[in-house]
PDB file of all heavy atoms in Angstrom:
ATOM      1  N   SER A   1     285.886 233.081  69.901  1.00  0.00           N
ATOM      2  CA  SER A   1     285.429 234.429  70.229  1.00  0.00           C
ATOM      3  C   SER A   1     286.509 235.219  70.962  1.00  0.00           C
ATOM      4  O   SER A   1     286.512 236.452  70.952  1.00  0.00           O
ATOM      5  CB  SER A   1     284.162 234.376  71.084  1.00  0.00           C
ATOM      6  OG  SER A   1     284.429 233.784  72.352  1.00  0.00           O
ATOM      7  N   GLN A   2     287.461 234.498  71.587  1.00  0.00           N
ATOM      8  CA  GLN A   2     288.548 235.172  72.291  1.00  0.00           C
ATOM      9  C   GLN A   2     289.438 235.936  71.313  1.00  0.00           C
ATOM     10  O   GLN A   2     290.046 236.944  71.667  1.00  0.00           O
ATOM     11  CB  GLN A   2     289.394 234.147  73.061  1.00  0.00           C
ATOM     12  CG  GLN A   2     288.678 233.477  74.216  1.00  0.00           C
ATOM     13  CD  GLN A   2     288.524 234.396  75.412  1.00  0.00           C
ATOM     14  OE1 GLN A   2     289.212 235.395  75.535  1.00  0.00           O
ATOM     15  NE2 GLN A   2     287.610 234.058  76.297  1.00  0.00           N
ATOM     16  N   PHE A   3     289.514 235.431  70.070  1.00  0.00           N
ATOM     17  CA  PHE A   3     290.369 236.080  69.078  1.00  0.00           C
ATOM     18  C   PHE A   3     289.920 237.505  68.793  1.00  0.00           C
ATOM     19  O   PHE A   3     290.725 238.377  68.476  1.00  0.00           O
ATOM     20  CB  PHE A   3     290.362 235.282  67.760  1.00  0.00           C
ATOM     21  CG  PHE A   3     291.012 233.932  67.865  1.00  0.00           C
ATOM     22  CD1 PHE A   3     290.908 233.024  66.825  1.00  0.00           C
ATOM     23  CD2 PHE A   3     291.724 233.561  68.994  1.00  0.00           C
ATOM     24  CE1 PHE A   3     291.505 231.779  66.907  1.00  0.00           C
ATOM     25  CE2 PHE A   3     292.325 232.318  69.094  1.00  0.00           C
ATOM     26  CZ  PHE A   3     292.211 231.423  68.044  1.00  0.00           C
ATOM     27  N   ALA A   4     288.610 237.720  68.890  1.00  0.00           N
ATOM     28  CA  ALA A   4     288.058 239.023  68.519  1.00  0.00           C
ATOM     29  C   ALA A   4     288.041 240.005  69.684  1.00  0.00           C
ATOM     30  O   ALA A   4     287.832 241.197  69.486  1.00  0.00           O
ATOM     31  CB  ALA A   4     286.648 238.847  67.978  1.00  0.00           C
ATOM     32  N   LYS A   5     288.285 239.505  70.895  1.00  0.00           N
ATOM     33  CA  LYS A   5     288.202 240.380  72.061  1.00  0.00           C
ATOM     34  C   LYS A   5     289.500 241.145  72.270  1.00  0.00           C
ATOM     35  O   LYS A   5     290.581 240.656  71.997  1.00  0.00           O
ATOM     36  CB  LYS A   5     287.889 239.560  73.313  1.00  0.00           C
ATOM     37  CG  LYS A   5     286.485 238.965  73.316  1.00  0.00           C
ATOM     38  CD  LYS A   5     286.239 238.183  74.595  1.00  0.00           C
ATOM     39  CE  LYS A   5     284.833 237.605  74.618  1.00  0.00           C
ATOM     40  NZ  LYS A   5     284.575 236.818  75.846  1.00  0.00           N
ATOM     41  N   LYS A   6     289.362 242.347  72.779  1.00  0.00           N
ATOM     42  CA  LYS A   6     290.521 243.163  73.107  1.00  0.00           C
ATOM     43  C   LYS A   6     290.465 243.533  74.587  1.00  0.00           C
ATOM     44  O   LYS A   6     289.394 243.645  75.170  1.00  0.00           O
ATOM     45  CB  LYS A   6     290.570 244.417  72.239  1.00  0.00           C
ATOM     46  CG  LYS A   6     290.750 244.125  70.749  1.00  0.00           C
ATOM     47  CD  LYS A   6     290.827 245.412  69.944  1.00  0.00           C
ATOM     48  CE  LYS A   6     291.018 245.109  68.465  1.00  0.00           C
ATOM     49  NZ  LYS A   6     291.094 246.351  67.653  1.00  0.00           N
ATOM     50  N   GLY A   7     291.629 243.717  75.168  1.00  0.00           N
ATOM     51  CA  GLY A   7     291.671 244.057  76.587  1.00  0.00           C
ATOM     52  C   GLY A   7     291.807 242.815  77.449  1.00  0.00           C
ATOM     53  O   GLY A   7     292.468 241.863  77.076  1.00  0.00           O
ATOM     54  N   VAL A   8     291.161 242.808  78.594  1.00  0.00           N
ATOM     55  CA  VAL A   8     291.265 241.702  79.538  1.00  0.00           C
ATOM     56  C   VAL A   8     290.579 240.461  78.970  1.00  0.00           C
ATOM     57  O   VAL A   8     289.428 240.515  78.544  1.00  0.00           O
ATOM     58  CB  VAL A   8     290.624 242.065  80.894  1.00  0.00           C
ATOM     59  CG1 VAL A   8     290.702 240.885  81.851  1.00  0.00           C
ATOM     60  CG2 VAL A   8     291.333 243.273  81.492  1.00  0.00           C
ATOM     61  N   GLU A   9     291.304 239.348  78.945  1.00  0.00           N
ATOM     62  CA  GLU A   9     290.736 238.106  78.444  1.00  0.00           C
ATOM     63  C   GLU A   9     289.940 237.417  79.545  1.00  0.00           C
ATOM     64  O   GLU A   9     290.281 237.481  80.717  1.00  0.00           O
ATOM     65  CB  GLU A   9     291.840 237.180  77.928  1.00  0.00           C
ATOM     66  CG  GLU A   9     292.547 237.726  76.704  1.00  0.00           C
ATOM     67  CD  GLU A   9     293.443 236.680  76.058  1.00  0.00           C
ATOM     68  OE1 GLU A   9     293.029 235.522  75.937  1.00  0.00           O
ATOM     69  OE2 GLU A   9     294.570 237.035  75.686  1.00  0.00           O
ATOM     70  N   VAL A  10     288.882 236.730  79.137  1.00  0.00           N
ATOM     71  CA  VAL A  10     288.025 236.005  80.071  1.00  0.00           C
ATOM     72  C   VAL A  10     288.348 234.515  79.976  1.00  0.00           C
ATOM     73  O   VAL A  10     288.562 233.982  78.886  1.00  0.00           O
ATOM     74  CB  VAL A  10     286.536 236.235  79.746  1.00  0.00           C
ATOM     75  CG1 VAL A  10     285.652 235.434  80.689  1.00  0.00           C
ATOM     76  CG2 VAL A  10     286.207 237.715  79.824  1.00  0.00           C
ATOM     77  N   ASP A  11     288.408 233.857  81.120  1.00  0.00           N
ATOM     78  CA  ASP A  11     288.694 232.429  81.142  1.00  0.00           C
ATOM     79  C   ASP A  11     287.507 231.654  80.577  1.00  0.00           C
ATOM     80  O   ASP A  11     286.456 231.574  81.203  1.00  0.00           O
ATOM     81  CB  ASP A  11     288.993 231.988  82.584  1.00  0.00           C
ATOM     82  CG  ASP A  11     289.330 230.506  82.683  1.00  0.00           C
ATOM     83  OD1 ASP A  11     289.541 229.881  81.632  1.00  0.00           O
ATOM     84  OD2 ASP A  11     289.383 230.000  83.814  1.00  0.00           O
ATOM     85  N   HIS A  12     287.659 231.064  79.391  1.00  0.00           N
ATOM     86  CA  HIS A  12     286.533 230.363  78.780  1.00  0.00           C
ATOM     87  C   HIS A  12     286.203 229.063  79.514  1.00  0.00           C
ATOM     88  O   HIS A  12     285.162 228.451  79.256  1.00  0.00           O
ATOM     89  CB  HIS A  12     286.784 230.099  77.290  1.00  0.00           C
ATOM     90  CG  HIS A  12     287.698 228.950  77.005  1.00  0.00           C
ATOM     91  ND1 HIS A  12     289.056 229.034  77.188  1.00  0.00           N
ATOM     92  CD2 HIS A  12     287.453 227.698  76.553  1.00  0.00           C
ATOM     93  CE1 HIS A  12     289.609 227.881  76.862  1.00  0.00           C
ATOM     94  NE2 HIS A  12     288.663 227.053  76.475  1.00  0.00           N
ATOM     95  N   HIS A  13     287.061 228.629  80.424  1.00  0.00           N
ATOM     96  CA  HIS A  13     286.733 227.459  81.251  1.00  0.00           C
ATOM     97  C   HIS A  13     285.616 227.768  82.240  1.00  0.00           C
ATOM     98  O   HIS A  13     285.130 226.863  82.918  1.00  0.00           O
ATOM     99  CB  HIS A  13     287.973 226.977  82.012  1.00  0.00           C
ATOM    100  CG  HIS A  13     288.883 226.129  81.180  1.00  0.00           C
ATOM    101  ND1 HIS A  13     289.855 225.320  81.718  1.00  0.00           N
ATOM    102  CD2 HIS A  13     288.966 225.968  79.837  1.00  0.00           C
ATOM    103  CE1 HIS A  13     290.508 224.704  80.742  1.00  0.00           C
ATOM    104  NE2 HIS A  13     289.986 225.087  79.593  1.00  0.00           N
ATOM    105  N   ARG A  14     285.227 229.025  82.332  1.00  0.00           N
ATOM    106  CA  ARG A  14     284.122 229.405  83.212  1.00  0.00           C
ATOM    107  C   ARG A  14     282.838 229.676  82.425  1.00  0.00           C
ATOM    108  O   ARG A  14     281.873 230.190  82.980  1.00  0.00           O
ATOM    109  CB  ARG A  14     284.500 230.616  84.060  1.00  0.00           C
ATOM    110  CG  ARG A  14     285.458 230.256  85.178  1.00  0.00           C
ATOM    111  CD  ARG A  14     285.522 231.308  86.264  1.00  0.00           C
ATOM    112  NE  ARG A  14     286.141 230.763  87.471  1.00  0.00           N
ATOM    113  CZ  ARG A  14     285.490 230.123  88.437  1.00  0.00           C
ATOM    114  NH1 ARG A  14     284.197 229.940  88.335  1.00  0.00           N
ATOM    115  NH2 ARG A  14     286.120 229.657  89.490  1.00  0.00           N
ATOM    116  N   SER A  15     282.829 229.319  81.154  1.00  0.00           N
ATOM    117  CA  SER A  15     281.604 229.470  80.370  1.00  0.00           C
ATOM    118  C   SER A  15     280.714 228.249  80.586  1.00  0.00           C
ATOM    119  O   SER A  15     281.175 227.200  81.052  1.00  0.00           O
ATOM    120  CB  SER A  15     281.946 229.595  78.882  1.00  0.00           C
ATOM    121  OG  SER A  15     282.233 228.311  78.335  1.00  0.00           O
ATOM    122  N   PRO A  16     279.425 228.339  80.270  1.00  0.00           N
ATOM    123  CA  PRO A  16     278.513 227.193  80.443  1.00  0.00           C
ATOM    124  C   PRO A  16     278.960 225.944  79.685  1.00  0.00           C
ATOM    125  O   PRO A  16     278.577 224.830  80.052  1.00  0.00           O
ATOM    126  CB  PRO A  16     277.180 227.722  79.892  1.00  0.00           C
ATOM    127  CG  PRO A  16     277.259 229.200  80.101  1.00  0.00           C
ATOM    128  CD  PRO A  16     278.701 229.553  79.866  1.00  0.00           C
ATOM    129  N   PHE A  17     279.760 226.128  78.630  1.00  0.00           N
ATOM    130  CA  PHE A  17     280.237 224.968  77.872  1.00  0.00           C
ATOM    131  C   PHE A  17     281.223 224.119  78.682  1.00  0.00           C
ATOM    132  O   PHE A  17     281.544 223.003  78.293  1.00  0.00           O
ATOM    133  CB  PHE A  17     280.906 225.411  76.566  1.00  0.00           C
ATOM    134  CG  PHE A  17     279.956 226.074  75.607  1.00  0.00           C
ATOM    135  CD1 PHE A  17     279.979 227.442  75.416  1.00  0.00           C
ATOM    136  CD2 PHE A  17     279.016 225.327  74.909  1.00  0.00           C
ATOM    137  CE1 PHE A  17     279.101 228.061  74.537  1.00  0.00           C
ATOM    138  CE2 PHE A  17     278.136 225.930  74.036  1.00  0.00           C
ATOM    139  CZ  PHE A  17     278.180 227.309  73.847  1.00  0.00           C
ATOM    140  N   HIS A  18     281.697 224.664  79.792  1.00  0.00           N
ATOM    141  CA  HIS A  18     282.617 223.929  80.641  1.00  0.00           C
ATOM    142  C   HIS A  18     281.988 223.596  81.999  1.00  0.00           C
ATOM    143  O   HIS A  18     282.684 223.513  83.007  1.00  0.00           O
ATOM    144  CB  HIS A  18     283.922 224.712  80.830  1.00  0.00           C
ATOM    145  CG  HIS A  18     284.861 224.554  79.674  1.00  0.00           C
ATOM    146  ND1 HIS A  18     284.738 225.281  78.524  1.00  0.00           N
ATOM    147  CD2 HIS A  18     285.926 223.731  79.490  1.00  0.00           C
ATOM    148  CE1 HIS A  18     285.683 224.937  77.671  1.00  0.00           C
ATOM    149  NE2 HIS A  18     286.419 223.995  78.234  1.00  0.00           N
ATOM    150  N   TYR A  19     280.679 223.403  81.996  1.00  0.00           N
ATOM    151  CA  TYR A  19     279.967 222.930  83.184  1.00  0.00           C
ATOM    152  C   TYR A  19     279.594 221.463  82.932  1.00  0.00           C
ATOM    153  O   TYR A  19     278.541 221.173  82.366  1.00  0.00           O
ATOM    154  CB  TYR A  19     278.694 223.737  83.428  1.00  0.00           C
ATOM    155  CG  TYR A  19     278.893 225.190  83.791  1.00  0.00           C
ATOM    156  CD1 TYR A  19     277.825 226.084  83.755  1.00  0.00           C
ATOM    157  CD2 TYR A  19     280.146 225.680  84.169  1.00  0.00           C
ATOM    158  CE1 TYR A  19     277.994 227.417  84.092  1.00  0.00           C
ATOM    159  CE2 TYR A  19     280.323 227.019  84.501  1.00  0.00           C
ATOM    160  CZ  TYR A  19     279.245 227.883  84.461  1.00  0.00           C
ATOM    161  OH  TYR A  19     279.414 229.206  84.791  1.00  0.00           O
ATOM    162  N   PRO A  20     280.428 220.513  83.345  1.00  0.00           N
ATOM    163  CA  PRO A  20     280.192 219.095  83.019  1.00  0.00           C
ATOM    164  C   PRO A  20     278.829 218.576  83.446  1.00  0.00           C
ATOM    165  O   PRO A  20     278.212 217.776  82.718  1.00  0.00           O
ATOM    166  CB  PRO A  20     281.309 218.374  83.783  1.00  0.00           C
ATOM    167  CG  PRO A  20     282.383 219.391  83.938  1.00  0.00           C
ATOM    168  CD  PRO A  20     281.678 220.698  84.111  1.00  0.00           C
ATOM    169  N   ILE A  21     278.340 219.009  84.610  1.00  0.00           N
ATOM    170  CA  ILE A  21     277.044 218.513  85.094  1.00  0.00           C
ATOM    171  C   ILE A  21     275.922 218.929  84.146  1.00  0.00           C
ATOM    172  O   ILE A  21     274.891 218.256  84.047  1.00  0.00           O
ATOM    173  CB  ILE A  21     276.776 219.027  86.524  1.00  0.00           C
ATOM    174  CG1 ILE A  21     277.793 218.408  87.497  1.00  0.00           C
ATOM    175  CG2 ILE A  21     275.360 218.707  86.979  1.00  0.00           C
ATOM    176  CD1 ILE A  21     277.643 218.884  88.932  1.00  0.00           C
ATOM    177  N   LEU A  22     276.122 220.019  83.413  1.00  0.00           N
ATOM    178  CA  LEU A  22     275.142 220.489  82.437  1.00  0.00           C
ATOM    179  C   LEU A  22     275.357 219.860  81.065  1.00  0.00           C
ATOM    180  O   LEU A  22     274.426 219.348  80.441  1.00  0.00           O
ATOM    181  CB  LEU A  22     275.204 222.016  82.328  1.00  0.00           C
ATOM    182  CG  LEU A  22     274.417 222.661  81.179  1.00  0.00           C
ATOM    183  CD1 LEU A  22     272.921 222.472  81.402  1.00  0.00           C
ATOM    184  CD2 LEU A  22     274.767 224.148  81.065  1.00  0.00           C
ATOM    185  N   THR A  23     276.603 219.895  80.602  1.00  0.00           N
ATOM    186  CA  THR A  23     276.870 219.542  79.208  1.00  0.00           C
ATOM    187  C   THR A  23     276.930 218.045  78.930  1.00  0.00           C
ATOM    188  O   THR A  23     276.500 217.605  77.864  1.00  0.00           O
ATOM    189  CB  THR A  23     278.189 220.178  78.749  1.00  0.00           C
ATOM    190  OG1 THR A  23     279.238 219.769  79.636  1.00  0.00           O
ATOM    191  CG2 THR A  23     278.096 221.699  78.766  1.00  0.00           C
ATOM    192  N   VAL A  24     277.467 217.255  79.866  1.00  0.00           N
ATOM    193  CA  VAL A  24     277.575 215.818  79.600  1.00  0.00           C
ATOM    194  C   VAL A  24     276.202 215.159  79.462  1.00  0.00           C
ATOM    195  O   VAL A  24     275.943 214.474  78.460  1.00  0.00           O
ATOM    196  CB  VAL A  24     278.427 215.117  80.676  1.00  0.00           C
ATOM    197  CG1 VAL A  24     278.397 213.596  80.469  1.00  0.00           C
ATOM    198  CG2 VAL A  24     279.878 215.606  80.616  1.00  0.00           C
ATOM    199  N   PRO A  25     275.278 215.340  80.418  1.00  0.00           N
ATOM    200  CA  PRO A  25     273.944 214.752  80.224  1.00  0.00           C
ATOM    201  C   PRO A  25     273.235 215.283  78.975  1.00  0.00           C
ATOM    202  O   PRO A  25     272.559 214.528  78.268  1.00  0.00           O
ATOM    203  CB  PRO A  25     273.194 215.163  81.497  1.00  0.00           C
ATOM    204  CG  PRO A  25     274.254 215.400  82.510  1.00  0.00           C
ATOM    205  CD  PRO A  25     275.393 215.993  81.742  1.00  0.00           C
ATOM    206  N   THR A  26     273.400 216.584  78.715  1.00  0.00           N
ATOM    207  CA  THR A  26     272.771 217.163  77.518  1.00  0.00           C
ATOM    208  C   THR A  26     273.336 216.541  76.253  1.00  0.00           C
ATOM    209  O   THR A  26     272.594 216.145  75.345  1.00  0.00           O
ATOM    210  CB  THR A  26     272.978 218.688  77.485  1.00  0.00           C
ATOM    211  OG1 THR A  26     272.421 219.281  78.654  1.00  0.00           O
ATOM    212  CG2 THR A  26     272.320 219.287  76.250  1.00  0.00           C
ATOM    213  N   GLY A  27     274.671 216.462  76.187  1.00  0.00           N
ATOM    214  CA  GLY A  27     275.315 215.888  75.017  1.00  0.00           C
ATOM    215  C   GLY A  27     274.951 214.431  74.807  1.00  0.00           C
ATOM    216  O   GLY A  27     274.688 213.992  73.671  1.00  0.00           O
ATOM    217  N   VAL A  28     274.921 213.662  75.882  1.00  0.00           N
ATOM    218  CA  VAL A  28     274.572 212.240  75.790  1.00  0.00           C
ATOM    219  C   VAL A  28     273.127 212.071  75.329  1.00  0.00           C
ATOM    220  O   VAL A  28     272.830 211.211  74.478  1.00  0.00           O
ATOM    221  CB  VAL A  28     274.794 211.543  77.150  1.00  0.00           C
ATOM    222  CG1 VAL A  28     274.182 210.143  77.139  1.00  0.00           C
ATOM    223  CG2 VAL A  28     276.281 211.461  77.466  1.00  0.00           C
ATOM    224  N   THR A  29     272.226 212.895  75.859  1.00  0.00           N
ATOM    225  CA  THR A  29     270.808 212.801  75.488  1.00  0.00           C
ATOM    226  C   THR A  29     270.598 213.122  74.008  1.00  0.00           C
ATOM    227  O   THR A  29     269.889 212.394  73.291  1.00  0.00           O
ATOM    228  CB  THR A  29     269.959 213.756  76.349  1.00  0.00           C
ATOM    229  OG1 THR A  29     270.116 213.408  77.728  1.00  0.00           O
ATOM    230  CG2 THR A  29     268.493 213.661  75.959  1.00  0.00           C
ATOM    231  N   VAL A  30     271.223 214.207  73.543  1.00  0.00           N
ATOM    232  CA  VAL A  30     271.098 214.585  72.132  1.00  0.00           C
ATOM    233  C   VAL A  30     271.690 213.503  71.235  1.00  0.00           C
ATOM    234  O   VAL A  30     271.090 213.120  70.216  1.00  0.00           O
ATOM    235  CB  VAL A  30     271.796 215.934  71.881  1.00  0.00           C
ATOM    236  CG1 VAL A  30     271.833 216.241  70.383  1.00  0.00           C
ATOM    237  CG2 VAL A  30     271.083 217.057  72.625  1.00  0.00           C
ATOM    238  N   ALA A  31     272.861 212.978  71.606  1.00  0.00           N
ATOM    239  CA  ALA A  31     273.501 211.925  70.809  1.00  0.00           C
ATOM    240  C   ALA A  31     272.649 210.661  70.776  1.00  0.00           C
ATOM    241  O   ALA A  31     272.563 209.981  69.743  1.00  0.00           O
ATOM    242  CB  ALA A  31     274.891 211.619  71.372  1.00  0.00           C
ATOM    243  N   LEU A  32     272.016 210.344  71.904  1.00  0.00           N
ATOM    244  CA  LEU A  32     271.155 209.160  71.972  1.00  0.00           C
ATOM    245  C   LEU A  32     269.963 209.303  71.038  1.00  0.00           C
ATOM    246  O   LEU A  32     269.584 208.357  70.328  1.00  0.00           O
ATOM    247  CB  LEU A  32     270.684 208.956  73.410  1.00  0.00           C
ATOM    248  CG  LEU A  32     269.752 207.764  73.669  1.00  0.00           C
ATOM    249  CD1 LEU A  32     270.467 206.455  73.377  1.00  0.00           C
ATOM    250  CD2 LEU A  32     269.251 207.790  75.108  1.00  0.00           C
ATOM    251  N   LEU A  33     269.369 210.490  71.017  1.00  0.00           N
ATOM    252  CA  LEU A  33     268.197 210.728  70.167  1.00  0.00           C
ATOM    253  C   LEU A  33     268.563 210.701  68.686  1.00  0.00           C
ATOM    254  O   LEU A  33     267.779 210.255  67.847  1.00  0.00           O
ATOM    255  CB  LEU A  33     267.565 212.073  70.525  1.00  0.00           C
ATOM    256  CG  LEU A  33     266.927 212.174  71.919  1.00  0.00           C
ATOM    257  CD1 LEU A  33     266.454 213.594  72.187  1.00  0.00           C
ATOM    258  CD2 LEU A  33     265.769 211.188  72.050  1.00  0.00           C
ATOM    259  N   ILE A  34     269.763 211.173  68.367  1.00  0.00           N
ATOM    260  CA  ILE A  34     270.170 211.258  66.960  1.00  0.00           C
ATOM    261  C   ILE A  34     270.796 209.962  66.457  1.00  0.00           C
ATOM    262  O   ILE A  34     270.497 209.483  65.363  1.00  0.00           O
ATOM    263  CB  ILE A  34     271.160 212.423  66.756  1.00  0.00           C
ATOM    264  CG1 ILE A  34     270.469 213.756  67.051  1.00  0.00           C
ATOM    265  CG2 ILE A  34     271.726 212.415  65.333  1.00  0.00           C
ATOM    266  CD1 ILE A  34     271.403 214.956  66.971  1.00  0.00           C
ATOM    267  N   GLY A  35     271.702 209.381  67.262  1.00  0.00           N
ATOM    268  CA  GLY A  35     272.477 208.239  66.773  1.00  0.00           C
ATOM    269  C   GLY A  35     272.354 206.965  67.569  1.00  0.00           C
ATOM    270  O   GLY A  35     273.039 205.977  67.256  1.00  0.00           O
ATOM    271  N   GLY A  36     271.532 206.960  68.609  1.00  0.00           N
ATOM    272  CA  GLY A  36     271.364 205.742  69.380  1.00  0.00           C
ATOM    273  C   GLY A  36     272.448 205.544  70.426  1.00  0.00           C
ATOM    274  O   GLY A  36     273.263 206.439  70.694  1.00  0.00           O
ATOM    275  N   ILE A  37     272.481 204.351  71.008  1.00  0.00           N
ATOM    276  CA  ILE A  37     273.390 204.051  72.108  1.00  0.00           C
ATOM    277  C   ILE A  37     274.857 204.240  71.747  1.00  0.00           C
ATOM    278  O   ILE A  37     275.627 204.804  72.547  1.00  0.00           O
ATOM    279  CB  ILE A  37     273.145 202.617  72.626  1.00  0.00           C
ATOM    280  CG1 ILE A  37     271.761 202.543  73.289  1.00  0.00           C
ATOM    281  CG2 ILE A  37     274.227 202.197  73.623  1.00  0.00           C
ATOM    282  CD1 ILE A  37     271.387 201.162  73.778  1.00  0.00           C
ATOM    283  N   PRO A  38     275.334 203.792  70.561  1.00  0.00           N
ATOM    284  CA  PRO A  38     276.766 203.984  70.245  1.00  0.00           C
ATOM    285  C   PRO A  38     277.197 205.441  70.335  1.00  0.00           C
ATOM    286  O   PRO A  38     278.241 205.748  70.925  1.00  0.00           O
ATOM    287  CB  PRO A  38     276.891 203.438  68.816  1.00  0.00           C
ATOM    288  CG  PRO A  38     275.783 202.438  68.706  1.00  0.00           C
ATOM    289  CD  PRO A  38     274.651 203.017  69.503  1.00  0.00           C
ATOM    290  N   TRP A  39     276.395 206.327  69.780  1.00  0.00           N
ATOM    291  CA  TRP A  39     276.782 207.736  69.791  1.00  0.00           C
ATOM    292  C   TRP A  39     276.601 208.374  71.155  1.00  0.00           C
ATOM    293  O   TRP A  39     277.306 209.320  71.508  1.00  0.00           O
ATOM    294  CB  TRP A  39     276.013 208.511  68.718  1.00  0.00           C
ATOM    295  CG  TRP A  39     276.646 208.321  67.377  1.00  0.00           C
ATOM    296  CD1 TRP A  39     276.190 207.543  66.356  1.00  0.00           C
ATOM    297  CD2 TRP A  39     277.886 208.871  66.952  1.00  0.00           C
ATOM    298  NE1 TRP A  39     277.077 207.577  65.302  1.00  0.00           N
ATOM    299  CE2 TRP A  39     278.127 208.389  65.639  1.00  0.00           C
ATOM    300  CE3 TRP A  39     278.818 209.715  67.533  1.00  0.00           C
ATOM    301  CZ2 TRP A  39     279.258 208.734  64.911  1.00  0.00           C
ATOM    302  CZ3 TRP A  39     279.948 210.061  66.815  1.00  0.00           C
ATOM    303  CH2 TRP A  39     280.166 209.586  65.524  1.00  0.00           C
TER     304      TRP A  39
END
């Protein structure tokens, strides 16, 4: 999405996708439900 923006760029490291406390448990839970313990 940064490619399409003009003017001042926003640090994407401050987006919710870069909140480890949020994304890691979410990602692990979804992977567990879909693919089991290995995933």
